[in-house]
Amino acid sequence: METMNVALPESMKSFVQERVSEGGYSSVSEYVRDLIRADQKRRVEERVDALLLDGLNSGPPIEVTPEYWEDKKRRLVERLSKSKGK
């Protein structure tokens, strides 16, 4: 694991130390890693939200039925067969 040094003003350093002791973290590093993981998760969720909105705004809705899935599967198999034949 790599080491990283971060300069913080005294007020922030005190805040971090309080969070470590109150939050049940074993170290400042553990607290910072938890913050980074939360930020990574938030970014993934934002991306998923954006993709869902793109989907909702992509056109009129369609009814998804068992027949729809069968037709979709058939077309994908056809497309795969054509691409293997090239």
PDB file of N, CA and C in Angstrom:
ATOM      1  N   MET A   1       0.841  -1.172   0.000  1.00  0.00           N
ATOM      2  CA  MET A   1       0.000   0.000   0.000  1.00  0.00           C
ATOM      3  C   MET A   1       0.888   1.238   0.000  1.00  0.00           C
ATOM      4  N   GLU A   2       0.494   2.217  -0.792  1.00  0.00           N
ATOM      5  CA  GLU A   2       1.246   3.458  -0.887  1.00  0.00           C
ATOM      6  C   GLU A   2       0.890   4.402   0.256  1.00  0.00           C
ATOM      7  N   THR A   3       1.815   5.277   0.575  1.00  0.00           N
ATOM      8  CA  THR A   3       1.590   6.288   1.604  1.00  0.00           C
ATOM      9  C   THR A   3       1.377   7.632   0.934  1.00  0.00           C
ATOM     10  N   MET A   4       0.480   8.430   1.520  1.00  0.00           N
ATOM     11  CA  MET A   4       0.183   9.752   0.998  1.00  0.00           C
ATOM     12  C   MET A   4       0.149  10.715   2.176  1.00  0.00           C
ATOM     13  N   ASN A   5       0.788  11.843   2.044  1.00  0.00           N
ATOM     14  CA  ASN A   5       0.756  12.851   3.099  1.00  0.00           C
ATOM     15  C   ASN A   5      -0.212  13.957   2.704  1.00  0.00           C
ATOM     16  N   VAL A   6      -1.034  14.365   3.650  1.00  0.00           N
ATOM     17  CA  VAL A   6      -2.023  15.409   3.392  1.00  0.00           C
ATOM     18  C   VAL A   6      -1.866  16.487   4.451  1.00  0.00           C
ATOM     19  N   ALA A   7      -1.766  17.727   4.006  1.00  0.00           N
ATOM     20  CA  ALA A   7      -1.665  18.849   4.944  1.00  0.00           C
ATOM     21  C   ALA A   7      -3.068  19.357   5.259  1.00  0.00           C
ATOM     22  N   LEU A   8      -3.389  19.472   6.525  1.00  0.00           N
ATOM     23  CA  LEU A   8      -4.696  19.956   6.964  1.00  0.00           C
ATOM     24  C   LEU A   8      -4.525  21.083   7.963  1.00  0.00           C
ATOM     25  N   PRO A   9      -5.425  22.063   7.925  1.00  0.00           N
ATOM     26  CA  PRO A   9      -5.403  23.073   8.986  1.00  0.00           C
ATOM     27  C   PRO A   9      -5.781  22.396  10.307  1.00  0.00           C
ATOM     28  N   GLU A  10      -5.408  23.000  11.401  1.00  0.00           N
ATOM     29  CA  GLU A  10      -5.631  22.417  12.718  1.00  0.00           C
ATOM     30  C   GLU A  10      -7.094  22.053  12.959  1.00  0.00           C
ATOM     31  N   SER A  11      -8.018  22.904  12.513  1.00  0.00           N
ATOM     32  CA  SER A  11      -9.436  22.633  12.743  1.00  0.00           C
ATOM     33  C   SER A  11      -9.889  21.350  12.037  1.00  0.00           C
ATOM     34  N   MET A  12      -9.380  21.134  10.833  1.00  0.00           N
ATOM     35  CA  MET A  12      -9.735  19.916  10.104  1.00  0.00           C
ATOM     36  C   MET A  12      -9.075  18.699  10.737  1.00  0.00           C
ATOM     37  N   LYS A  13      -7.850  18.852  11.165  1.00  0.00           N
ATOM     38  CA  LYS A  13      -7.141  17.747  11.817  1.00  0.00           C
ATOM     39  C   LYS A  13      -7.897  17.331  13.073  1.00  0.00           C
ATOM     40  N   SER A  14      -8.358  18.287  13.840  1.00  0.00           N
ATOM     41  CA  SER A  14      -9.127  17.979  15.052  1.00  0.00           C
ATOM     42  C   SER A  14     -10.429  17.279  14.698  1.00  0.00           C
ATOM     43  N   PHE A  15     -11.078  17.771  13.657  1.00  0.00           N
ATOM     44  CA  PHE A  15     -12.333  17.146  13.221  1.00  0.00           C
ATOM     45  C   PHE A  15     -12.102  15.686  12.848  1.00  0.00           C
ATOM     46  N   VAL A  16     -11.067  15.423  12.066  1.00  0.00           N
ATOM     47  CA  VAL A  16     -10.752  14.055  11.644  1.00  0.00           C
ATOM     48  C   VAL A  16     -10.460  13.179  12.859  1.00  0.00           C
ATOM     49  N   GLN A  17      -9.688  13.687  13.785  1.00  0.00           N
ATOM     50  CA  GLN A  17      -9.368  12.902  14.972  1.00  0.00           C
ATOM     51  C   GLN A  17     -10.623  12.591  15.789  1.00  0.00           C
ATOM     52  N   GLU A  18     -11.550  13.552  15.871  1.00  0.00           N
ATOM     53  CA  GLU A  18     -12.821  13.310  16.556  1.00  0.00           C
ATOM     54  C   GLU A  18     -13.616  12.219  15.853  1.00  0.00           C
ATOM     55  N   ARG A  19     -13.683  12.302  14.522  1.00  0.00           N
ATOM     56  CA  ARG A  19     -14.433  11.304  13.753  1.00  0.00           C
ATOM     57  C   ARG A  19     -13.842   9.919  13.929  1.00  0.00           C
ATOM     58  N   VAL A  20     -12.532   9.837  13.991  1.00  0.00           N
ATOM     59  CA  VAL A  20     -11.876   8.547  14.167  1.00  0.00           C
ATOM     60  C   VAL A  20     -12.272   7.947  15.511  1.00  0.00           C
ATOM     61  N   SER A  21     -12.206   8.742  16.560  1.00  0.00           N
ATOM     62  CA  SER A  21     -12.521   8.204  17.884  1.00  0.00           C
ATOM     63  C   SER A  21     -14.019   7.952  18.053  1.00  0.00           C
ATOM     64  N   GLU A  22     -14.860   8.837  17.527  1.00  0.00           N
ATOM     65  CA  GLU A  22     -16.308   8.670  17.671  1.00  0.00           C
ATOM     66  C   GLU A  22     -16.866   7.617  16.717  1.00  0.00           C
ATOM     67  N   GLY A  23     -16.271   7.522  15.559  1.00  0.00           N
ATOM     68  CA  GLY A  23     -16.813   6.652  14.519  1.00  0.00           C
ATOM     69  C   GLY A  23     -16.337   5.220  14.582  1.00  0.00           C
ATOM     70  N   GLY A  24     -15.522   4.906  15.551  1.00  0.00           N
ATOM     71  CA  GLY A  24     -15.055   3.535  15.682  1.00  0.00           C
ATOM     72  C   GLY A  24     -13.991   3.133  14.682  1.00  0.00           C
ATOM     73  N   TYR A  25     -13.322   4.105  14.113  1.00  0.00           N
ATOM     74  CA  TYR A  25     -12.230   3.805  13.187  1.00  0.00           C
ATOM     75  C   TYR A  25     -10.975   3.519  13.988  1.00  0.00           C
ATOM     76  N   SER A  26     -10.137   2.641  13.459  1.00  0.00           N
ATOM     77  CA  SER A  26      -8.910   2.306  14.179  1.00  0.00           C
ATOM     78  C   SER A  26      -7.782   3.295  13.887  1.00  0.00           C
ATOM     79  N   SER A  27      -7.938   4.064  12.797  1.00  0.00           N
ATOM     80  CA  SER A  27      -6.889   5.018  12.440  1.00  0.00           C
ATOM     81  C   SER A  27      -7.442   6.080  11.503  1.00  0.00           C
ATOM     82  N   VAL A  28      -6.674   7.143  11.344  1.00  0.00           N
ATOM     83  CA  VAL A  28      -7.028   8.187  10.389  1.00  0.00           C
ATOM     84  C   VAL A  28      -7.060   7.599   8.980  1.00  0.00           C
ATOM     85  N   SER A  29      -6.127   6.723   8.680  1.00  0.00           N
ATOM     86  CA  SER A  29      -6.081   6.095   7.354  1.00  0.00           C
ATOM     87  C   SER A  29      -7.370   5.336   7.068  1.00  0.00           C
ATOM     88  N   GLU A  30      -7.857   4.610   8.049  1.00  0.00           N
ATOM     89  CA  GLU A  30      -9.100   3.860   7.857  1.00  0.00           C
ATOM     90  C   GLU A  30     -10.261   4.818   7.578  1.00  0.00           C
ATOM     91  N   TYR A  31     -10.308   5.924   8.300  1.00  0.00           N
ATOM     92  CA  TYR A  31     -11.349   6.932   8.093  1.00  0.00           C
ATOM     93  C   TYR A  31     -11.276   7.515   6.686  1.00  0.00           C
ATOM     94  N   VAL A  32     -10.083   7.869   6.249  1.00  0.00           N
ATOM     95  CA  VAL A  32      -9.903   8.455   4.916  1.00  0.00           C
ATOM     96  C   VAL A  32     -10.265   7.433   3.840  1.00  0.00           C
ATOM     97  N   ARG A  33      -9.859   6.175   4.012  1.00  0.00           N
ATOM     98  CA  ARG A  33     -10.229   5.141   3.041  1.00  0.00           C
ATOM     99  C   ARG A  33     -11.746   4.995   2.962  1.00  0.00           C
ATOM    100  N   ASP A  34     -12.416   5.073   4.112  1.00  0.00           N
ATOM    101  CA  ASP A  34     -13.873   4.980   4.131  1.00  0.00           C
ATOM    102  C   ASP A  34     -14.499   6.151   3.369  1.00  0.00           C
ATOM    103  N   LEU A  35     -13.960   7.352   3.547  1.00  0.00           N
ATOM    104  CA  LEU A  35     -14.454   8.513   2.813  1.00  0.00           C
ATOM    105  C   LEU A  35     -14.271   8.331   1.303  1.00  0.00           C
ATOM    106  N   ILE A  36     -13.131   7.809   0.914  1.00  0.00           N
ATOM    107  CA  ILE A  36     -12.846   7.608  -0.512  1.00  0.00           C
ATOM    108  C   ILE A  36     -13.778   6.554  -1.092  1.00  0.00           C
ATOM    109  N   ARG A  37     -13.985   5.446  -0.369  1.00  0.00           N
ATOM    110  CA  ARG A  37     -14.907   4.417  -0.843  1.00  0.00           C
ATOM    111  C   ARG A  37     -16.316   4.989  -1.005  1.00  0.00           C
ATOM    112  N   ALA A  38     -16.757   5.813  -0.064  1.00  0.00           N
ATOM    113  CA  ALA A  38     -18.088   6.429  -0.146  1.00  0.00           C
ATOM    114  C   ALA A  38     -18.176   7.340  -1.369  1.00  0.00           C
ATOM    115  N   ASP A  39     -17.107   8.075  -1.650  1.00  0.00           N
ATOM    116  CA  ASP A  39     -17.089   8.954  -2.820  1.00  0.00           C
ATOM    117  C   ASP A  39     -17.130   8.133  -4.104  1.00  0.00           C
ATOM    118  N   GLN A  40     -16.376   7.039  -4.156  1.00  0.00           N
ATOM    119  CA  GLN A  40     -16.388   6.168  -5.330  1.00  0.00           C
ATOM    120  C   GLN A  40     -17.793   5.609  -5.554  1.00  0.00           C
ATOM    121  N   LYS A  41     -18.428   5.155  -4.493  1.00  0.00           N
ATOM    122  CA  LYS A  41     -19.779   4.606  -4.597  1.00  0.00           C
ATOM    123  C   LYS A  41     -20.759   5.672  -5.089  1.00  0.00           C
ATOM    124  N   ARG A  42     -20.638   6.872  -4.564  1.00  0.00           N
ATOM    125  CA  ARG A  42     -21.520   7.970  -4.961  1.00  0.00           C
ATOM    126  C   ARG A  42     -21.361   8.271  -6.451  1.00  0.00           C
ATOM    127  N   ARG A  43     -20.128   8.252  -6.936  1.00  0.00           N
ATOM    128  CA  ARG A  43     -19.897   8.531  -8.366  1.00  0.00           C
ATOM    129  C   ARG A  43     -20.520   7.444  -9.242  1.00  0.00           C
ATOM    130  N   VAL A  44     -20.405   6.198  -8.823  1.00  0.00           N
ATOM    131  CA  VAL A  44     -21.026   5.101  -9.583  1.00  0.00           C
ATOM    132  C   VAL A  44     -22.543   5.289  -9.596  1.00  0.00           C
ATOM    133  N   GLU A  45     -23.119   5.615  -8.443  1.00  0.00           N
ATOM    134  CA  GLU A  45     -24.568   5.828  -8.368  1.00  0.00           C
ATOM    135  C   GLU A  45     -25.005   6.996  -9.242  1.00  0.00           C
ATOM    136  N   GLU A  46     -24.213   8.061  -9.287  1.00  0.00           N
ATOM    137  CA  GLU A  46     -24.529   9.196 -10.154  1.00  0.00           C
ATOM    138  C   GLU A  46     -24.506   8.778 -11.617  1.00  0.00           C
ATOM    139  N   ARG A  47     -23.551   7.943 -11.982  1.00  0.00           N
ATOM    140  CA  ARG A  47     -23.446   7.458 -13.365  1.00  0.00           C
ATOM    141  C   ARG A  47     -24.653   6.593 -13.715  1.00  0.00           C
ATOM    142  N   VAL A  48     -25.039   5.702 -12.802  1.00  0.00           N
ATOM    143  CA  VAL A  48     -26.216   4.859 -13.037  1.00  0.00           C
ATOM    144  C   VAL A  48     -27.465   5.725 -13.179  1.00  0.00           C
ATOM    145  N   ASP A  49     -27.614   6.718 -12.301  1.00  0.00           N
ATOM    146  CA  ASP A  49     -28.760   7.632 -12.392  1.00  0.00           C
ATOM    147  C   ASP A  49     -28.793   8.333 -13.747  1.00  0.00           C
ATOM    148  N   ALA A  50     -27.635   8.792 -14.200  1.00  0.00           N
ATOM    149  CA  ALA A  50     -27.568   9.480 -15.492  1.00  0.00           C
ATOM    150  C   ALA A  50     -27.958   8.537 -16.627  1.00  0.00           C
ATOM    151  N   LEU A  51     -27.480   7.300 -16.579  1.00  0.00           N
ATOM    152  CA  LEU A  51     -27.828   6.333 -17.619  1.00  0.00           C
ATOM    153  C   LEU A  51     -29.315   5.999 -17.593  1.00  0.00           C
ATOM    154  N   LEU A  52     -29.885   5.882 -16.398  1.00  0.00           N
ATOM    155  CA  LEU A  52     -31.323   5.622 -16.290  1.00  0.00           C
ATOM    156  C   LEU A  52     -32.133   6.781 -16.864  1.00  0.00           C
ATOM    157  N   LEU A  53     -31.713   8.000 -16.560  1.00  0.00           N
ATOM    158  CA  LEU A  53     -32.403   9.162 -17.124  1.00  0.00           C
ATOM    159  C   LEU A  53     -32.276   9.204 -18.638  1.00  0.00           C
ATOM    160  N   ASP A  54     -31.097   8.878 -19.152  1.00  0.00           N
ATOM    161  CA  ASP A  54     -30.922   8.802 -20.606  1.00  0.00           C
ATOM    162  C   ASP A  54     -31.896   7.796 -21.206  1.00  0.00           C
ATOM    163  N   GLY A  55     -32.025   6.653 -20.539  1.00  0.00           N
ATOM    164  CA  GLY A  55     -32.957   5.633 -21.021  1.00  0.00           C
ATOM    165  C   GLY A  55     -34.392   6.120 -20.996  1.00  0.00           C
ATOM    166  N   LEU A  56     -34.777   6.762 -19.911  1.00  0.00           N
ATOM    167  CA  LEU A  56     -36.146   7.272 -19.805  1.00  0.00           C
ATOM    168  C   LEU A  56     -36.436   8.340 -20.851  1.00  0.00           C
ATOM    169  N   ASN A  57     -35.427   9.108 -21.218  1.00  0.00           N
ATOM    170  CA  ASN A  57     -35.606  10.192 -22.183  1.00  0.00           C
ATOM    171  C   ASN A  57     -35.284   9.785 -23.618  1.00  0.00           C
ATOM    172  N   SER A  58     -35.061   8.502 -23.862  1.00  0.00           N
ATOM    173  CA  SER A  58     -34.592   8.061 -25.177  1.00  0.00           C
ATOM    174  C   SER A  58     -35.703   7.839 -26.191  1.00  0.00           C
ATOM    175  N   GLY A  59     -36.934   7.929 -25.773  1.00  0.00           N
ATOM    176  CA  GLY A  59     -38.017   7.732 -26.725  1.00  0.00           C
ATOM    177  C   GLY A  59     -39.252   7.222 -26.025  1.00  0.00           C
ATOM    178  N   PRO A  60     -40.245   6.898 -26.822  1.00  0.00           N
ATOM    179  CA  PRO A  60     -41.484   6.417 -26.216  1.00  0.00           C
ATOM    180  C   PRO A  60     -41.255   5.065 -25.537  1.00  0.00           C
ATOM    181  N   PRO A  61     -42.018   4.799 -24.481  1.00  0.00           N
ATOM    182  CA  PRO A  61     -41.844   3.523 -23.774  1.00  0.00           C
ATOM    183  C   PRO A  61     -42.346   2.354 -24.615  1.00  0.00           C
ATOM    184  N   ILE A  62     -41.780   1.192 -24.368  1.00  0.00           N
ATOM    185  CA  ILE A  62     -42.248  -0.026 -25.029  1.00  0.00           C
ATOM    186  C   ILE A  62     -42.652  -1.023 -23.961  1.00  0.00           C
ATOM    187  N   GLU A  63     -43.598  -1.872 -24.315  1.00  0.00           N
ATOM    188  CA  GLU A  63     -44.024  -2.902 -23.375  1.00  0.00           C
ATOM    189  C   GLU A  63     -43.058  -4.078 -23.482  1.00  0.00           C
ATOM    190  N   VAL A  64     -42.522  -4.494 -22.363  1.00  0.00           N
ATOM    191  CA  VAL A  64     -41.576  -5.609 -22.350  1.00  0.00           C
ATOM    192  C   VAL A  64     -42.343  -6.859 -21.899  1.00  0.00           C
ATOM    193  N   THR A  65     -42.546  -7.726 -22.857  1.00  0.00           N
ATOM    194  CA  THR A  65     -43.312  -8.951 -22.636  1.00  0.00           C
ATOM    195  C   THR A  65     -42.405 -10.149 -22.889  1.00  0.00           C
ATOM    196  N   PRO A  66     -42.867 -11.353 -22.574  1.00  0.00           N
ATOM    197  CA  PRO A  66     -42.063 -12.538 -22.936  1.00  0.00           C
ATOM    198  C   PRO A  66     -41.793 -12.607 -24.443  1.00  0.00           C
ATOM    199  N   GLU A  67     -42.747 -12.163 -25.246  1.00  0.00           N
ATOM    200  CA  GLU A  67     -42.545 -12.149 -26.697  1.00  0.00           C
ATOM    201  C   GLU A  67     -41.444 -11.170 -27.092  1.00  0.00           C
ATOM    202  N   TYR A  68     -41.413 -10.032 -26.417  1.00  0.00           N
ATOM    203  CA  TYR A  68     -40.358  -9.049 -26.665  1.00  0.00           C
ATOM    204  C   TYR A  68     -38.994  -9.691 -26.439  1.00  0.00           C
ATOM    205  N   TRP A  69     -38.835 -10.401 -25.306  1.00  0.00           N
ATOM    206  CA  TRP A  69     -37.542 -11.015 -24.992  1.00  0.00           C
ATOM    207  C   TRP A  69     -37.189 -12.111 -25.991  1.00  0.00           C
ATOM    208  N   GLU A  70     -38.171 -12.878 -26.435  1.00  0.00           N
ATOM    209  CA  GLU A  70     -37.904 -13.910 -27.435  1.00  0.00           C
ATOM    210  C   GLU A  70     -37.428 -13.289 -28.749  1.00  0.00           C
ATOM    211  N   ASP A  71     -38.109 -12.234 -29.173  1.00  0.00           N
ATOM    212  CA  ASP A  71     -37.718 -11.542 -30.401  1.00  0.00           C
ATOM    213  C   ASP A  71     -36.323 -10.931 -30.263  1.00  0.00           C
ATOM    214  N   LYS A  72     -36.062 -10.325 -29.102  1.00  0.00           N
ATOM    215  CA  LYS A  72     -34.741  -9.721 -28.849  1.00  0.00           C
ATOM    216  C   LYS A  72     -33.656 -10.797 -28.912  1.00  0.00           C
ATOM    217  N   LYS A  73     -33.905 -11.930 -28.271  1.00  0.00           N
ATOM    218  CA  LYS A  73     -32.934 -13.029 -28.262  1.00  0.00           C
ATOM    219  C   LYS A  73     -32.700 -13.536 -29.697  1.00  0.00           C
ATOM    220  N   ARG A  74     -33.778 -13.712 -30.460  1.00  0.00           N
ATOM    221  CA  ARG A  74     -33.655 -14.195 -31.830  1.00  0.00           C
ATOM    222  C   ARG A  74     -32.809 -13.248 -32.678  1.00  0.00           C
ATOM    223  N   ARG A  75     -33.064 -11.948 -32.562  1.00  0.00           N
ATOM    224  CA  ARG A  75     -32.300 -10.971 -33.340  1.00  0.00           C
ATOM    225  C   ARG A  75     -30.828 -10.939 -32.927  1.00  0.00           C
ATOM    226  N   LEU A  76     -30.568 -11.075 -31.639  1.00  0.00           N
ATOM    227  CA  LEU A  76     -29.170 -11.093 -31.179  1.00  0.00           C
ATOM    228  C   LEU A  76     -28.440 -12.336 -31.675  1.00  0.00           C
ATOM    229  N   VAL A  77     -29.117 -13.482 -31.650  1.00  0.00           N
ATOM    230  CA  VAL A  77     -28.508 -14.716 -32.157  1.00  0.00           C
ATOM    231  C   VAL A  77     -28.222 -14.575 -33.647  1.00  0.00           C
ATOM    232  N   GLU A  78     -29.165 -13.996 -34.399  1.00  0.00           N
ATOM    233  CA  GLU A  78     -28.947 -13.769 -35.836  1.00  0.00           C
ATOM    234  C   GLU A  78     -27.741 -12.864 -36.072  1.00  0.00           C
ATOM    235  N   ARG A  79     -27.666 -11.795 -35.306  1.00  0.00           N
ATOM    236  CA  ARG A  79     -26.554 -10.854 -35.464  1.00  0.00           C
ATOM    237  C   ARG A  79     -25.222 -11.517 -35.122  1.00  0.00           C
ATOM    238  N   LEU A  80     -25.222 -12.338 -34.076  1.00  0.00           N
ATOM    239  CA  LEU A  80     -24.001 -13.042 -33.699  1.00  0.00           C
ATOM    240  C   LEU A  80     -23.594 -14.041 -34.791  1.00  0.00           C
ATOM    241  N   SER A  81     -24.576 -14.733 -35.338  1.00  0.00           N
ATOM    242  CA  SER A  81     -24.286 -15.689 -36.413  1.00  0.00           C
ATOM    243  C   SER A  81     -23.683 -14.999 -37.622  1.00  0.00           C
ATOM    244  N   LYS A  82     -24.240 -13.834 -38.003  1.00  0.00           N
ATOM    245  CA  LYS A  82     -23.718 -13.077 -39.136  1.00  0.00           C
ATOM    246  C   LYS A  82     -22.296 -12.601 -38.897  1.00  0.00           C
ATOM    247  N   SER A  83     -22.020 -12.141 -37.650  1.00  0.00           N
ATOM    248  CA  SER A  83     -20.673 -11.632 -37.370  1.00  0.00           C
ATOM    249  C   SER A  83     -19.639 -12.754 -37.348  1.00  0.00           C
ATOM    250  N   LYS A  84     -20.045 -13.976 -36.978  1.00  0.00           N
ATOM    251  CA  LYS A  84     -19.117 -15.118 -36.981  1.00  0.00           C
ATOM    252  C   LYS A  84     -18.861 -15.595 -38.411  1.00  0.00           C
ATOM    253  N   GLY A  85     -19.823 -15.352 -39.294  1.00  0.00           N
ATOM    254  CA  GLY A  85     -19.697 -15.793 -40.683  1.00  0.00           C
ATOM    255  C   GLY A  85     -18.777 -14.918 -41.511  1.00  0.00           C
ATOM    256  N   LYS A  86     -18.400 -13.784 -41.024  1.00  0.00           N
ATOM    257  CA  LYS A  86     -17.557 -12.851 -41.790  1.00  0.00           C
ATOM    258  C   LYS A  86     -16.132 -13.280 -41.805  1.00  0.00           C
TER     259      LYS A  86
END
